Amino acid sequence: MELLWQRPRRKTLVDWPEDVDTRLDVLVRAAAAAGEQTSRSQILAALVTATEVRPALIAQLLHSYRQMPADALDLDNARDDLPSVRSPGRTRGRK
């Protein structure tokens, strides 16, 4: 049986706030805390495939995101109770 996650790949450039990028790293660390070995791309793919294709839901998600205060992710992004995860490949530069 062919699995979706093993299908041909496509690189996608994502441009988003640094806090959101840090949140993605926190999600990878949370997966590691649950015993999963994963990557940023697999976390994103899981979130995309888990989201229902309902216009009203997508609009609601967008509205919630666009109304978040700048410090909305600060507590989760500062979590020190999750394991450190070193991703393979090049290290992304931080400003």
C-alpha atoms as a PDB file:
ATOM      1  CA  MET A   1       0.000   0.000   0.000  1.00  0.00           C
ATOM      2  CA  GLU A   2       1.363   3.409  -0.965  1.00  0.00           C
ATOM      3  CA  LEU A   3       1.300   5.976   1.832  1.00  0.00           C
ATOM      4  CA  LEU A   4       0.659   9.688   1.334  1.00  0.00           C
ATOM      5  CA  TRP A   5       3.741  10.761   3.267  1.00  0.00           C
ATOM      6  CA  GLN A   6       5.921   8.730   0.899  1.00  0.00           C
ATOM      7  CA  ARG A   7       4.598  10.318  -2.295  1.00  0.00           C
ATOM      8  CA  PRO A   8       6.783  12.583  -4.488  1.00  0.00           C
ATOM      9  CA  ARG A   9       7.923  15.743  -2.707  1.00  0.00           C
ATOM     10  CA  ARG A  10       7.552  19.397  -3.530  1.00  0.00           C
ATOM     11  CA  LYS A  11       9.512  22.179  -1.864  1.00  0.00           C
ATOM     12  CA  THR A  12       7.444  25.106  -0.679  1.00  0.00           C
ATOM     13  CA  LEU A  13       8.746  28.471   0.442  1.00  0.00           C
ATOM     14  CA  VAL A  14       6.874  29.733   3.489  1.00  0.00           C
ATOM     15  CA  ASP A  15       7.214  33.326   4.624  1.00  0.00           C
ATOM     16  CA  TRP A  16       5.781  33.931   8.088  1.00  0.00           C
ATOM     17  CA  PRO A  17       6.578  35.644  11.389  1.00  0.00           C
ATOM     18  CA  GLU A  18       9.573  34.336  13.337  1.00  0.00           C
ATOM     19  CA  ASP A  19       7.303  33.496  16.290  1.00  0.00           C
ATOM     20  CA  VAL A  20       5.293  31.136  14.069  1.00  0.00           C
ATOM     21  CA  ASP A  21       8.518  29.513  12.865  1.00  0.00           C
ATOM     22  CA  THR A  22       9.612  29.043  16.462  1.00  0.00           C
ATOM     23  CA  ARG A  23       6.193  27.548  17.245  1.00  0.00           C
ATOM     24  CA  LEU A  24       6.773  24.945  14.519  1.00  0.00           C
ATOM     25  CA  ASP A  25      10.028  23.975  16.243  1.00  0.00           C
ATOM     26  CA  VAL A  26       8.112  23.680  19.536  1.00  0.00           C
ATOM     27  CA  LEU A  27       5.613  21.337  17.842  1.00  0.00           C
ATOM     28  CA  VAL A  28       8.490  19.150  16.641  1.00  0.00           C
ATOM     29  CA  ARG A  29       9.831  19.082  20.198  1.00  0.00           C
ATOM     30  CA  ALA A  30       6.365  18.184  21.525  1.00  0.00           C
ATOM     31  CA  ALA A  31       6.214  15.279  19.085  1.00  0.00           C
ATOM     32  CA  ALA A  32       9.632  14.149  20.322  1.00  0.00           C
ATOM     33  CA  ALA A  33       8.339  14.311  23.907  1.00  0.00           C
ATOM     34  CA  ALA A  34       5.572  11.915  22.813  1.00  0.00           C
ATOM     35  CA  GLY A  35       8.172   9.537  21.370  1.00  0.00           C
ATOM     36  CA  GLU A  36       7.801  10.546  17.726  1.00  0.00           C
ATOM     37  CA  GLN A  37      10.767  11.185  15.472  1.00  0.00           C
ATOM     38  CA  THR A  38       9.541  13.700  12.910  1.00  0.00           C
ATOM     39  CA  SER A  39      10.406  16.828  10.961  1.00  0.00           C
ATOM     40  CA  ARG A  40       9.038  20.298  10.479  1.00  0.00           C
ATOM     41  CA  SER A  41       7.680  19.281   7.076  1.00  0.00           C
ATOM     42  CA  GLN A  42       5.835  16.277   8.520  1.00  0.00           C
ATOM     43  CA  ILE A  43       4.275  18.446  11.240  1.00  0.00           C
ATOM     44  CA  LEU A  44       3.089  20.936   8.609  1.00  0.00           C
ATOM     45  CA  ALA A  45       1.770  18.161   6.360  1.00  0.00           C
ATOM     46  CA  ALA A  46      -0.106  16.598   9.296  1.00  0.00           C
ATOM     47  CA  LEU A  47      -1.715  19.928  10.168  1.00  0.00           C
ATOM     48  CA  VAL A  48      -2.689  20.644   6.554  1.00  0.00           C
ATOM     49  CA  THR A  49      -4.194  17.197   6.023  1.00  0.00           C
ATOM     50  CA  ALA A  50      -6.058  17.310   9.361  1.00  0.00           C
ATOM     51  CA  THR A  51      -7.797  20.588   8.547  1.00  0.00           C
ATOM     52  CA  GLU A  52     -11.276  20.186   7.121  1.00  0.00           C
ATOM     53  CA  VAL A  53     -11.883  21.807   3.742  1.00  0.00           C
ATOM     54  CA  ARG A  54     -14.772  23.978   4.879  1.00  0.00           C
ATOM     55  CA  PRO A  55     -14.665  27.607   3.717  1.00  0.00           C
ATOM     56  CA  ALA A  56     -16.224  28.927   6.923  1.00  0.00           C
ATOM     57  CA  LEU A  57     -13.704  27.029   9.046  1.00  0.00           C
ATOM     58  CA  ILE A  58     -10.753  28.261   6.988  1.00  0.00           C
ATOM     59  CA  ALA A  59     -12.087  31.833   7.240  1.00  0.00           C
ATOM     60  CA  GLN A  60     -12.453  31.438  11.013  1.00  0.00           C
ATOM     61  CA  LEU A  61      -8.867  30.166  11.318  1.00  0.00           C
ATOM     62  CA  LEU A  62      -7.587  33.100   9.255  1.00  0.00           C
ATOM     63  CA  HIS A  63      -9.540  35.635  11.292  1.00  0.00           C
ATOM     64  CA  SER A  64      -8.232  34.154  14.554  1.00  0.00           C
ATOM     65  CA  TYR A  65      -4.652  34.227  13.276  1.00  0.00           C
ATOM     66  CA  ARG A  66      -4.935  37.791  11.980  1.00  0.00           C
ATOM     67  CA  GLN A  67      -6.276  39.022  15.325  1.00  0.00           C
ATOM     68  CA  MET A  68      -3.616  37.390  17.527  1.00  0.00           C
ATOM     69  CA  PRO A  69      -1.595  39.816  19.602  1.00  0.00           C
ATOM     70  CA  ALA A  70       2.137  39.901  18.891  1.00  0.00           C
ATOM     71  CA  ASP A  71       2.937  38.037  22.112  1.00  0.00           C
ATOM     72  CA  ALA A  72       0.318  35.285  21.631  1.00  0.00           C
ATOM     73  CA  LEU A  73       2.893  32.500  21.259  1.00  0.00           C
ATOM     74  CA  ASP A  74       5.424  33.700  23.821  1.00  0.00           C
ATOM     75  CA  LEU A  75       4.526  31.187  26.571  1.00  0.00           C
ATOM     76  CA  ASP A  76       4.586  28.121  24.334  1.00  0.00           C
ATOM     77  CA  ASN A  77       7.660  29.283  22.433  1.00  0.00           C
ATOM     78  CA  ALA A  78       9.564  29.602  25.710  1.00  0.00           C
ATOM     79  CA  ARG A  79       8.836  26.020  26.851  1.00  0.00           C
ATOM     80  CA  ASP A  80      11.838  24.404  28.482  1.00  0.00           C
ATOM     81  CA  ASP A  81      10.060  21.188  29.479  1.00  0.00           C
ATOM     82  CA  LEU A  82      10.321  19.730  25.972  1.00  0.00           C
ATOM     83  CA  PRO A  83      13.384  17.908  24.645  1.00  0.00           C
ATOM     84  CA  SER A  84      15.811  19.618  22.313  1.00  0.00           C
ATOM     85  CA  VAL A  85      15.676  18.377  18.746  1.00  0.00           C
ATOM     86  CA  ARG A  86      18.419  18.843  16.211  1.00  0.00           C
ATOM     87  CA  SER A  87      17.087  18.813  12.711  1.00  0.00           C
ATOM     88  CA  PRO A  88      19.204  17.240   9.968  1.00  0.00           C
ATOM     89  CA  GLY A  89      20.573  19.385   7.183  1.00  0.00           C
ATOM     90  CA  ARG A  90      21.515  23.013   7.169  1.00  0.00           C
ATOM     91  CA  THR A  91      20.795  25.157  10.189  1.00  0.00           C
ATOM     92  CA  ARG A  92      18.369  27.976   9.602  1.00  0.00           C
ATOM     93  CA  GLY A  93      19.849  31.349  10.471  1.00  0.00           C
ATOM     94  CA  ARG A  94      18.178  33.433  13.162  1.00  0.00           C
ATOM     95  CA  LYS A  95      18.329  37.194  13.197  1.00  0.00           C
END
